[in-house]
Amino acid sequence: MSETINNITAAIRKAYPYKTELHAHTNPVSDCSEVAPRKLAELYKELGYTAVCLTNHLDLGMGCTPEFWLGDYFEAKAVGDEIGINVILGAEVCLPGCDNHYLLYGLDPEDIPELFENLGRSVEEFSRIYRARGCFFNHAHPFRPGTDHADFALFDGVEAFNIHPKHNSKVARAARIARSEGKILTAGTDYHDYGDEGLSAMLSALEPKTPADVAAILKSGDFLLEVGGCIVIP
């Protein structure tokens, strides 16, 4: 039986060979993280990942500039280009009126100054702007304590499997409700601390090299998830 399972698993991984982390943070941009940008690239390369999405926090209260916010990305990407792992830009934004967090995929560095300008918008306005541009708008850990989740109709997907080991994100509830709402389910390590890297992944048939690639793969629904080394059909 175990040999059969191993053969099936190997066939699945062959069909979906590209492995991507969808949710990771670095310091100093995300001061809640202890991970240096270059170490993000190095650690995920060692784990056999194809790509890692750097989704640093972004909200009005940070008081930083686009240049500072992008600094971690450019540092991590330069190392990634040297050692052979795709470091891809993403963002975890917090908008006025609540403590919800939203993941945005599909923006290039030149789009970030305008993203800063839109941080004061409501989630409804923000969703309309960026989904119209082809971005993938994802509700991060919607059932974590302290989160008052927004209307799922505003999102392309829901981070059903947030695997941050220091939070209970109620992943079973998130997955069940997201599926009932017809949303695309994603998984993310929500990586902040050394030792916690690589707890989840997106497995895809196509290699993601750019933010637009990540958004397109997520929108297609043609991917699998890996949580704690186990393959999950989203």
C-alpha atoms as a PDB file:
ATOM      1  CA  MET A   1       0.000   0.000   0.000  1.00  0.00           C
ATOM      2  CA  SER A   2       2.759   2.439   0.919  1.00  0.00           C
ATOM      3  CA  GLU A   3       4.512   1.760  -2.400  1.00  0.00           C
ATOM      4  CA  THR A   4       1.299   2.579  -4.279  1.00  0.00           C
ATOM      5  CA  ILE A   5       0.894   5.824  -2.352  1.00  0.00           C
ATOM      6  CA  ASN A   6       4.510   6.740  -3.026  1.00  0.00           C
ATOM      7  CA  ASN A   7       4.042   6.077  -6.747  1.00  0.00           C
ATOM      8  CA  ILE A   8       0.912   8.226  -6.871  1.00  0.00           C
ATOM      9  CA  THR A   9       2.642  11.023  -4.973  1.00  0.00           C
ATOM     10  CA  ALA A  10       5.620  10.880  -7.318  1.00  0.00           C
ATOM     11  CA  ALA A  11       3.311  11.078 -10.347  1.00  0.00           C
ATOM     12  CA  ILE A  12       1.504  14.091  -8.893  1.00  0.00           C
ATOM     13  CA  ARG A  13       4.769  15.888  -8.183  1.00  0.00           C
ATOM     14  CA  LYS A  14       5.959  15.137 -11.706  1.00  0.00           C
ATOM     15  CA  ALA A  15       2.797  16.699 -13.138  1.00  0.00           C
ATOM     16  CA  TYR A  16       3.069  19.738 -10.820  1.00  0.00           C
ATOM     17  CA  PRO A  17       6.830  20.146 -10.407  1.00  0.00           C
ATOM     18  CA  TYR A  18       7.099  23.856  -9.543  1.00  0.00           C
ATOM     19  CA  LYS A  19       6.957  24.713  -5.856  1.00  0.00           C
ATOM     20  CA  THR A  20       6.116  28.234  -4.648  1.00  0.00           C
ATOM     21  CA  GLU A  21       5.812  29.842  -1.226  1.00  0.00           C
ATOM     22  CA  LEU A  22       2.923  32.336  -1.398  1.00  0.00           C
ATOM     23  CA  HIS A  23       3.318  34.177   1.926  1.00  0.00           C
ATOM     24  CA  ALA A  24       6.631  35.306   3.438  1.00  0.00           C
ATOM     25  CA  HIS A  25       8.021  38.330   5.294  1.00  0.00           C
ATOM     26  CA  THR A  26      11.475  39.845   5.772  1.00  0.00           C
ATOM     27  CA  ASN A  27      13.080  42.407   8.019  1.00  0.00           C
ATOM     28  CA  PRO A  28      13.394  45.403   8.122  1.00  0.00           C
ATOM     29  CA  VAL A  29      10.304  46.095   6.005  1.00  0.00           C
ATOM     30  CA  SER A  30       8.142  43.739   8.096  1.00  0.00           C
ATOM     31  CA  ASP A  31       9.506  44.456  11.564  1.00  0.00           C
ATOM     32  CA  CYS A  32       7.550  41.465  12.921  1.00  0.00           C
ATOM     33  CA  SER A  33       9.914  39.214  10.937  1.00  0.00           C
ATOM     34  CA  GLU A  34      13.453  38.263  11.898  1.00  0.00           C
ATOM     35  CA  VAL A  35      14.393  36.970   8.432  1.00  0.00           C
ATOM     36  CA  ALA A  36      16.946  38.871   6.357  1.00  0.00           C
ATOM     37  CA  PRO A  37      16.044  39.245   2.665  1.00  0.00           C
ATOM     38  CA  ARG A  38      19.066  37.318   1.374  1.00  0.00           C
ATOM     39  CA  LYS A  39      18.360  34.490   3.831  1.00  0.00           C
ATOM     40  CA  LEU A  40      14.812  34.175   2.508  1.00  0.00           C
ATOM     41  CA  ALA A  41      16.167  33.327  -0.935  1.00  0.00           C
ATOM     42  CA  GLU A  42      18.912  31.063   0.392  1.00  0.00           C
ATOM     43  CA  LEU A  43      16.691  29.051   2.757  1.00  0.00           C
ATOM     44  CA  TYR A  44      13.937  28.444   0.217  1.00  0.00           C
ATOM     45  CA  LYS A  45      16.501  27.471  -2.416  1.00  0.00           C
ATOM     46  CA  GLU A  46      17.929  24.901   0.015  1.00  0.00           C
ATOM     47  CA  LEU A  47      14.413  23.496   0.515  1.00  0.00           C
ATOM     48  CA  GLY A  48      13.981  22.926  -3.219  1.00  0.00           C
ATOM     49  CA  TYR A  49      11.446  25.669  -3.936  1.00  0.00           C
ATOM     50  CA  THR A  50      11.166  27.130  -7.415  1.00  0.00           C
ATOM     51  CA  ALA A  51       9.873  30.487  -6.199  1.00  0.00           C
ATOM     52  CA  VAL A  52       9.035  32.471  -3.094  1.00  0.00           C
ATOM     53  CA  CYS A  53       6.583  35.383  -2.985  1.00  0.00           C
ATOM     54  CA  LEU A  54       7.771  38.172  -0.714  1.00  0.00           C
ATOM     55  CA  THR A  55       4.551  39.610   0.711  1.00  0.00           C
ATOM     56  CA  ASN A  56       5.749  42.212   3.169  1.00  0.00           C
ATOM     57  CA  HIS A  57       3.242  44.164   5.229  1.00  0.00           C
ATOM     58  CA  LEU A  58       1.983  47.473   3.885  1.00  0.00           C
ATOM     59  CA  ASP A  59      -0.384  49.927   5.553  1.00  0.00           C
ATOM     60  CA  LEU A  60      -0.732  53.645   6.139  1.00  0.00           C
ATOM     61  CA  GLY A  61       0.667  53.418   9.658  1.00  0.00           C
ATOM     62  CA  MET A  62       4.086  52.206   8.504  1.00  0.00           C
ATOM     63  CA  GLY A  63       5.120  55.674   7.383  1.00  0.00           C
ATOM     64  CA  CYS A  64       7.695  54.364   4.900  1.00  0.00           C
ATOM     65  CA  THR A  65       8.408  55.200   1.281  1.00  0.00           C
ATOM     66  CA  PRO A  66       7.954  52.927  -1.739  1.00  0.00           C
ATOM     67  CA  GLU A  67      11.744  52.895  -2.112  1.00  0.00           C
ATOM     68  CA  PHE A  68      12.240  51.597   1.434  1.00  0.00           C
ATOM     69  CA  TRP A  69       9.418  49.063   1.106  1.00  0.00           C
ATOM     70  CA  LEU A  70      10.865  47.676  -2.126  1.00  0.00           C
ATOM     71  CA  GLY A  71      14.371  47.469  -0.688  1.00  0.00           C
ATOM     72  CA  ASP A  72      13.911  44.006   0.828  1.00  0.00           C
ATOM     73  CA  TYR A  73      12.461  42.694  -2.434  1.00  0.00           C
ATOM     74  CA  PHE A  74      15.344  43.958  -4.554  1.00  0.00           C
ATOM     75  CA  GLU A  75      17.894  42.505  -2.122  1.00  0.00           C
ATOM     76  CA  ALA A  76      16.191  39.106  -1.995  1.00  0.00           C
ATOM     77  CA  LYS A  77      15.672  39.041  -5.766  1.00  0.00           C
ATOM     78  CA  ALA A  78      19.327  39.818  -6.466  1.00  0.00           C
ATOM     79  CA  VAL A  79      20.370  36.840  -4.344  1.00  0.00           C
ATOM     80  CA  GLY A  80      17.656  34.682  -5.890  1.00  0.00           C
ATOM     81  CA  ASP A  81      18.880  35.504  -9.387  1.00  0.00           C
ATOM     82  CA  GLU A  82      22.403  34.460  -8.375  1.00  0.00           C
ATOM     83  CA  ILE A  83      21.491  31.121  -6.814  1.00  0.00           C
ATOM     84  CA  GLY A  84      18.535  30.115  -9.005  1.00  0.00           C
ATOM     85  CA  ILE A  85      15.255  30.775  -7.222  1.00  0.00           C
ATOM     86  CA  ASN A  86      12.533  33.158  -8.396  1.00  0.00           C
ATOM     87  CA  VAL A  87      11.831  35.841  -5.789  1.00  0.00           C
ATOM     88  CA  ILE A  88       8.464  37.330  -6.740  1.00  0.00           C
ATOM     89  CA  LEU A  89       6.881  40.534  -5.491  1.00  0.00           C
ATOM     90  CA  GLY A  90       3.601  40.410  -3.588  1.00  0.00           C
ATOM     91  CA  ALA A  91       2.093  42.443  -0.757  1.00  0.00           C
ATOM     92  CA  GLU A  92       0.070  41.945   2.403  1.00  0.00           C
ATOM     93  CA  VAL A  93      -2.000  45.094   2.790  1.00  0.00           C
ATOM     94  CA  CYS A  94      -4.099  46.388   5.650  1.00  0.00           C
ATOM     95  CA  LEU A  95      -6.764  48.945   4.736  1.00  0.00           C
ATOM     96  CA  PRO A  96      -8.533  51.500   6.961  1.00  0.00           C
ATOM     97  CA  GLY A  97     -11.342  50.536   9.282  1.00  0.00           C
ATOM     98  CA  CYS A  98     -10.277  47.091  10.505  1.00  0.00           C
ATOM     99  CA  ASP A  99      -7.338  44.802  11.185  1.00  0.00           C
ATOM    100  CA  ASN A 100      -7.973  42.462   8.241  1.00  0.00           C
ATOM    101  CA  HIS A 101      -5.029  41.520   6.052  1.00  0.00           C
ATOM    102  CA  TYR A 102      -5.227  41.009   2.293  1.00  0.00           C
ATOM    103  CA  LEU A 103      -2.684  39.418  -0.033  1.00  0.00           C
ATOM    104  CA  LEU A 104      -2.183  40.962  -3.460  1.00  0.00           C
ATOM    105  CA  TYR A 105      -0.392  39.232  -6.338  1.00  0.00           C
ATOM    106  CA  GLY A 106       0.282  40.618  -9.802  1.00  0.00           C
ATOM    107  CA  LEU A 107       2.001  43.987  -9.278  1.00  0.00           C
ATOM    108  CA  ASP A 108       5.452  44.902 -10.546  1.00  0.00           C
ATOM    109  CA  PRO A 109       7.848  47.248  -8.680  1.00  0.00           C
ATOM    110  CA  GLU A 110       6.826  50.216 -10.828  1.00  0.00           C
ATOM    111  CA  ASP A 111       3.224  49.768  -9.614  1.00  0.00           C
ATOM    112  CA  ILE A 112       4.127  50.208  -5.936  1.00  0.00           C
ATOM    113  CA  PRO A 113       4.026  54.045  -5.680  1.00  0.00           C
ATOM    114  CA  GLU A 114       0.403  53.965  -6.859  1.00  0.00           C
ATOM    115  CA  LEU A 115      -0.316  51.112  -4.443  1.00  0.00           C
ATOM    116  CA  PHE A 116       0.833  53.395  -1.619  1.00  0.00           C
ATOM    117  CA  GLU A 117      -1.615  56.047  -2.858  1.00  0.00           C
ATOM    118  CA  ASN A 118      -4.493  53.559  -2.741  1.00  0.00           C
ATOM    119  CA  LEU A 119      -3.931  52.377   0.833  1.00  0.00           C
ATOM    120  CA  GLY A 120      -6.540  54.831   2.132  1.00  0.00           C
ATOM    121  CA  ARG A 121      -9.322  53.300   0.058  1.00  0.00           C
ATOM    122  CA  SER A 122     -12.062  51.015   1.301  1.00  0.00           C
ATOM    123  CA  VAL A 123     -11.695  47.312   0.646  1.00  0.00           C
ATOM    124  CA  GLU A 124     -14.537  47.574  -1.894  1.00  0.00           C
ATOM    125  CA  GLU A 125     -12.716  50.277  -3.882  1.00  0.00           C
ATOM    126  CA  PHE A 126      -9.384  48.512  -3.570  1.00  0.00           C
ATOM    127  CA  SER A 127     -10.847  45.246  -4.792  1.00  0.00           C
ATOM    128  CA  ARG A 128     -12.484  46.889  -7.793  1.00  0.00           C
ATOM    129  CA  ILE A 129      -9.257  48.640  -8.857  1.00  0.00           C
ATOM    130  CA  TYR A 130      -6.854  45.740  -8.583  1.00  0.00           C
ATOM    131  CA  ARG A 131      -9.075  42.908  -9.737  1.00  0.00           C
ATOM    132  CA  ALA A 132      -9.852  44.967 -12.851  1.00  0.00           C
ATOM    133  CA  ARG A 133      -6.105  45.077 -13.507  1.00  0.00           C
ATOM    134  CA  GLY A 134      -5.831  41.302 -13.441  1.00  0.00           C
ATOM    135  CA  CYS A 135      -4.344  41.003  -9.971  1.00  0.00           C
ATOM    136  CA  PHE A 136      -5.277  38.149  -7.654  1.00  0.00           C
ATOM    137  CA  PHE A 137      -6.826  39.568  -4.470  1.00  0.00           C
ATOM    138  CA  ASN A 138      -6.696  37.111  -1.591  1.00  0.00           C
ATOM    139  CA  HIS A 139      -8.119  37.324   1.933  1.00  0.00           C
ATOM    140  CA  ALA A 140      -5.334  36.326   4.346  1.00  0.00           C
ATOM    141  CA  HIS A 141      -6.170  34.179   7.411  1.00  0.00           C
ATOM    142  CA  PRO A 142      -9.825  35.315   7.550  1.00  0.00           C
ATOM    143  CA  PHE A 143     -10.746  33.496  10.763  1.00  0.00           C
ATOM    144  CA  ARG A 144      -7.685  34.233  12.885  1.00  0.00           C
ATOM    145  CA  PRO A 145      -8.740  35.732  16.259  1.00  0.00           C
ATOM    146  CA  GLY A 146      -8.970  39.503  15.998  1.00  0.00           C
ATOM    147  CA  THR A 147      -9.917  39.381  12.321  1.00  0.00           C
ATOM    148  CA  ASP A 148     -13.378  40.484  11.206  1.00  0.00           C
ATOM    149  CA  HIS A 149     -13.299  38.994   7.727  1.00  0.00           C
ATOM    150  CA  ALA A 150     -14.571  41.010   4.805  1.00  0.00           C
ATOM    151  CA  ASP A 151     -17.215  39.902   2.323  1.00  0.00           C
ATOM    152  CA  PHE A 152     -15.670  37.011   0.391  1.00  0.00           C
ATOM    153  CA  ALA A 153     -17.389  38.238  -2.792  1.00  0.00           C
ATOM    154  CA  LEU A 154     -14.709  40.952  -2.944  1.00  0.00           C
ATOM    155  CA  PHE A 155     -11.900  38.431  -3.380  1.00  0.00           C
ATOM    156  CA  ASP A 156     -10.576  36.024  -5.955  1.00  0.00           C
ATOM    157  CA  GLY A 157      -9.401  33.661  -3.262  1.00  0.00           C
ATOM    158  CA  VAL A 158      -9.073  32.908   0.423  1.00  0.00           C
ATOM    159  CA  GLU A 159      -5.916  31.869   2.248  1.00  0.00           C
ATOM    160  CA  ALA A 160      -7.628  28.865   3.780  1.00  0.00           C
ATOM    161  CA  PHE A 161      -4.397  27.248   4.971  1.00  0.00           C
ATOM    162  CA  ASN A 162      -2.357  29.850   6.837  1.00  0.00           C
ATOM    163  CA  ILE A 163       0.331  27.768   8.547  1.00  0.00           C
ATOM    164  CA  HIS A 164       1.905  30.399  10.823  1.00  0.00           C
ATOM    165  CA  PRO A 165       2.860  28.178  13.787  1.00  0.00           C
ATOM    166  CA  LYS A 166       2.283  30.913  16.368  1.00  0.00           C
ATOM    167  CA  HIS A 167      -1.342  31.612  15.390  1.00  0.00           C
ATOM    168  CA  ASN A 168      -4.502  29.536  15.240  1.00  0.00           C
ATOM    169  CA  SER A 169      -5.976  30.591  11.914  1.00  0.00           C
ATOM    170  CA  LYS A 170      -8.817  28.044  12.108  1.00  0.00           C
ATOM    171  CA  VAL A 171      -7.841  26.540   8.787  1.00  0.00           C
ATOM    172  CA  ALA A 172     -10.558  23.879   8.708  1.00  0.00           C
ATOM    173  CA  ARG A 173     -13.265  26.502   9.068  1.00  0.00           C
ATOM    174  CA  ALA A 174     -11.561  28.775   6.545  1.00  0.00           C
ATOM    175  CA  ALA A 175     -11.291  25.985   3.974  1.00  0.00           C
ATOM    176  CA  ARG A 176     -14.867  24.823   4.425  1.00  0.00           C
ATOM    177  CA  ILE A 177     -16.426  28.283   4.177  1.00  0.00           C
ATOM    178  CA  ALA A 178     -14.167  29.437   1.345  1.00  0.00           C
ATOM    179  CA  ARG A 179     -15.141  26.384  -0.674  1.00  0.00           C
ATOM    180  CA  SER A 180     -18.834  26.948   0.043  1.00  0.00           C
ATOM    181  CA  GLU A 181     -18.433  30.535  -1.210  1.00  0.00           C
ATOM    182  CA  GLY A 182     -16.858  29.328  -4.450  1.00  0.00           C
ATOM    183  CA  LYS A 183     -13.497  30.958  -3.749  1.00  0.00           C
ATOM    184  CA  ILE A 184     -10.076  29.688  -4.826  1.00  0.00           C
ATOM    185  CA  LEU A 185      -8.229  28.233  -1.824  1.00  0.00           C
ATOM    186  CA  THR A 186      -4.568  29.044  -1.203  1.00  0.00           C
ATOM    187  CA  ALA A 187      -1.945  28.124   1.375  1.00  0.00           C
ATOM    188  CA  GLY A 188       0.886  30.154   2.864  1.00  0.00           C
ATOM    189  CA  THR A 189       3.518  29.587   5.527  1.00  0.00           C
ATOM    190  CA  ASP A 190       3.168  33.225   6.656  1.00  0.00           C
ATOM    191  CA  TYR A 191       6.897  32.974   7.210  1.00  0.00           C
ATOM    192  CA  HIS A 192       8.408  35.278   9.838  1.00  0.00           C
ATOM    193  CA  ASP A 193      10.918  33.320  11.925  1.00  0.00           C
ATOM    194  CA  TYR A 194      13.963  31.168  11.244  1.00  0.00           C
ATOM    195  CA  GLY A 195      13.062  27.513  11.571  1.00  0.00           C
ATOM    196  CA  ASP A 196       9.510  27.959  10.267  1.00  0.00           C
ATOM    197  CA  GLU A 197      10.370  28.148   6.559  1.00  0.00           C
ATOM    198  CA  GLY A 198       8.733  25.886   4.007  1.00  0.00           C
ATOM    199  CA  LEU A 199       5.606  24.811   5.897  1.00  0.00           C
ATOM    200  CA  SER A 200       3.406  25.159   2.819  1.00  0.00           C
ATOM    201  CA  ALA A 201       3.554  25.614  -0.942  1.00  0.00           C
ATOM    202  CA  MET A 202       1.641  25.974  -4.177  1.00  0.00           C
ATOM    203  CA  LEU A 203       2.502  23.201  -6.661  1.00  0.00           C
ATOM    204  CA  SER A 204       2.013  24.184 -10.299  1.00  0.00           C
ATOM    205  CA  ALA A 205       2.495  22.752 -13.776  1.00  0.00           C
ATOM    206  CA  LEU A 206       3.842  26.086 -15.020  1.00  0.00           C
ATOM    207  CA  GLU A 207       6.861  27.863 -13.578  1.00  0.00           C
ATOM    208  CA  PRO A 208       6.024  31.225 -11.982  1.00  0.00           C
ATOM    209  CA  LYS A 209       8.683  33.773 -12.839  1.00  0.00           C
ATOM    210  CA  THR A 210       6.823  37.073 -12.463  1.00  0.00           C
ATOM    211  CA  PRO A 211       4.005  38.529 -10.336  1.00  0.00           C
ATOM    212  CA  ALA A 212       1.682  38.198 -13.340  1.00  0.00           C
ATOM    213  CA  ASP A 213       2.562  34.493 -13.581  1.00  0.00           C
ATOM    214  CA  VAL A 214       1.558  33.908  -9.960  1.00  0.00           C
ATOM    215  CA  ALA A 215      -1.731  35.756 -10.432  1.00  0.00           C
ATOM    216  CA  ALA A 216      -2.492  33.790 -13.620  1.00  0.00           C
ATOM    217  CA  ILE A 217      -1.750  30.402 -12.031  1.00  0.00           C
ATOM    218  CA  LEU A 218      -3.914  31.202  -9.027  1.00  0.00           C
ATOM    219  CA  LYS A 219      -6.769  32.437 -11.206  1.00  0.00           C
ATOM    220  CA  SER A 220      -6.570  29.296 -13.358  1.00  0.00           C
ATOM    221  CA  GLY A 221      -7.114  27.025 -10.354  1.00  0.00           C
ATOM    222  CA  ASP A 222      -4.703  24.540 -11.935  1.00  0.00           C
ATOM    223  CA  PHE A 223      -2.465  23.961  -8.941  1.00  0.00           C
ATOM    224  CA  LEU A 224      -2.196  21.843  -5.832  1.00  0.00           C
ATOM    225  CA  LEU A 225      -1.255  22.823  -2.308  1.00  0.00           C
ATOM    226  CA  GLU A 226       1.308  21.300   0.000  1.00  0.00           C
ATOM    227  CA  VAL A 227       0.782  21.652   3.745  1.00  0.00           C
ATOM    228  CA  GLY A 228       3.330  20.167   6.119  1.00  0.00           C
ATOM    229  CA  GLY A 229       4.652  17.938   3.352  1.00  0.00           C
ATOM    230  CA  CYS A 230       1.188  16.560   2.482  1.00  0.00           C
ATOM    231  CA  ILE A 231      -0.440  17.255  -0.878  1.00  0.00           C
ATOM    232  CA  VAL A 232      -3.875  18.902  -0.665  1.00  0.00           C
ATOM    233  CA  ILE A 233      -6.362  19.311  -3.499  1.00  0.00           C
ATOM    234  CA  PRO A 234      -7.752  22.860  -3.069  1.00  0.00           C
END
